């Protein structure tokens, strides 16, 4: 699923910034928080798609 691949790449991209944020870098913390909000949105998108797939299967 393309959406899941997008989610995985988003998490991989923030790994370095997360380490910097743990070290006290405030700007990296801001970047991590922004991407985590995007991760939340992407996860919700996947959830909706899965629910739609299940509804379609039930009707068939």
C-alpha atoms as a PDB file:
ATOM      1  CA  UNK A   1       0.000   0.000   0.000  1.00  0.00           C
ATOM      2  CA  UNK A   2       1.449   3.314  -1.093  1.00  0.00           C
ATOM      3  CA  UNK A   3       0.188   5.173   1.989  1.00  0.00           C
ATOM      4  CA  UNK A   4       1.998   2.772   4.307  1.00  0.00           C
ATOM      5  CA  UNK A   5       5.248   3.206   2.391  1.00  0.00           C
ATOM      6  CA  UNK A   6       4.841   6.974   2.742  1.00  0.00           C
ATOM      7  CA  UNK A   7       4.351   6.561   6.485  1.00  0.00           C
ATOM      8  CA  UNK A   8       7.487   4.430   6.831  1.00  0.00           C
ATOM      9  CA  UNK A   9       9.590   6.930   4.880  1.00  0.00           C
ATOM     10  CA  UNK A  10       8.338   9.803   7.029  1.00  0.00           C
ATOM     11  CA  UNK A  11       9.452   7.983  10.163  1.00  0.00           C
ATOM     12  CA  UNK A  12      12.837   7.167   8.656  1.00  0.00           C
ATOM     13  CA  UNK A  13      13.377  10.815   7.701  1.00  0.00           C
ATOM     14  CA  UNK A  14      12.964  12.126  11.251  1.00  0.00           C
ATOM     15  CA  UNK A  15      15.275   9.620  12.922  1.00  0.00           C
ATOM     16  CA  UNK A  16      18.281  11.952  12.809  1.00  0.00           C
ATOM     17  CA  UNK A  17      16.262  14.962  13.998  1.00  0.00           C
ATOM     18  CA  UNK A  18      14.874  12.892  16.852  1.00  0.00           C
ATOM     19  CA  UNK A  19      18.387  12.132  18.051  1.00  0.00           C
ATOM     20  CA  UNK A  20      19.251  15.826  17.820  1.00  0.00           C
ATOM     21  CA  UNK A  21      16.102  16.767  19.747  1.00  0.00           C
ATOM     22  CA  UNK A  22      17.009  14.311  22.505  1.00  0.00           C
ATOM     23  CA  UNK A  23      20.358  16.084  22.669  1.00  0.00           C
ATOM     24  CA  UNK A  24      18.649  19.417  23.331  1.00  0.00           C
ATOM     25  CA  UNK A  25      18.359  20.867  19.831  1.00  0.00           C
ATOM     26  CA  UNK A  26      15.096  22.822  19.971  1.00  0.00           C
ATOM     27  CA  UNK A  27      14.828  23.352  16.203  1.00  0.00           C
ATOM     28  CA  UNK A  28      15.093  19.612  15.634  1.00  0.00           C
ATOM     29  CA  UNK A  29      12.325  19.119  18.192  1.00  0.00           C
ATOM     30  CA  UNK A  30      10.081  21.456  16.223  1.00  0.00           C
ATOM     31  CA  UNK A  31      10.787  19.501  13.024  1.00  0.00           C
ATOM     32  CA  UNK A  32      10.040  16.215  14.775  1.00  0.00           C
ATOM     33  CA  UNK A  33       6.740  17.522  16.131  1.00  0.00           C
ATOM     34  CA  UNK A  34       5.705  18.741  12.689  1.00  0.00           C
ATOM     35  CA  UNK A  35       6.500  15.421  11.031  1.00  0.00           C
ATOM     36  CA  UNK A  36       4.776  13.521  13.836  1.00  0.00           C
ATOM     37  CA  UNK A  37       1.596  15.488  13.082  1.00  0.00           C
ATOM     38  CA  UNK A  38       1.989  14.460   9.435  1.00  0.00           C
ATOM     39  CA  UNK A  39       2.494  10.853  10.599  1.00  0.00           C
ATOM     40  CA  UNK A  40      -0.748  11.068  12.555  1.00  0.00           C
ATOM     41  CA  UNK A  41      -2.590  12.305   9.460  1.00  0.00           C
ATOM     42  CA  UNK A  42      -1.056   9.592   7.273  1.00  0.00           C
ATOM     43  CA  UNK A  43      -1.991   6.907   9.798  1.00  0.00           C
ATOM     44  CA  UNK A  44      -5.567   8.174   9.844  1.00  0.00           C
ATOM     45  CA  UNK A  45      -5.634   8.049   6.044  1.00  0.00           C
ATOM     46  CA  UNK A  46      -4.526   4.407   6.127  1.00  0.00           C
ATOM     47  CA  UNK A  47      -7.130   3.626   8.773  1.00  0.00           C
ATOM     48  CA  UNK A  48      -9.910   5.104   6.624  1.00  0.00           C
ATOM     49  CA  UNK A  49      -8.741   3.171   3.566  1.00  0.00           C
ATOM     50  CA  UNK A  50      -8.743  -0.094   5.520  1.00  0.00           C
ATOM     51  CA  UNK A  51     -12.245   0.590   6.817  1.00  0.00           C
ATOM     52  CA  UNK A  52     -13.433   1.338   3.279  1.00  0.00           C
ATOM     53  CA  UNK A  53     -11.880  -1.907   2.018  1.00  0.00           C
ATOM     54  CA  UNK A  54     -13.671  -3.862   4.749  1.00  0.00           C
ATOM     55  CA  UNK A  55     -17.009  -2.214   3.948  1.00  0.00           C
ATOM     56  CA  UNK A  56     -16.562  -3.011   0.250  1.00  0.00           C
ATOM     57  CA  UNK A  57     -15.790  -6.671   1.022  1.00  0.00           C
ATOM     58  CA  UNK A  58     -18.860  -6.960   3.257  1.00  0.00           C
ATOM     59  CA  UNK A  59     -21.150  -5.701   0.480  1.00  0.00           C
ATOM     60  CA  UNK A  60     -19.746  -8.153  -2.068  1.00  0.00           C
END
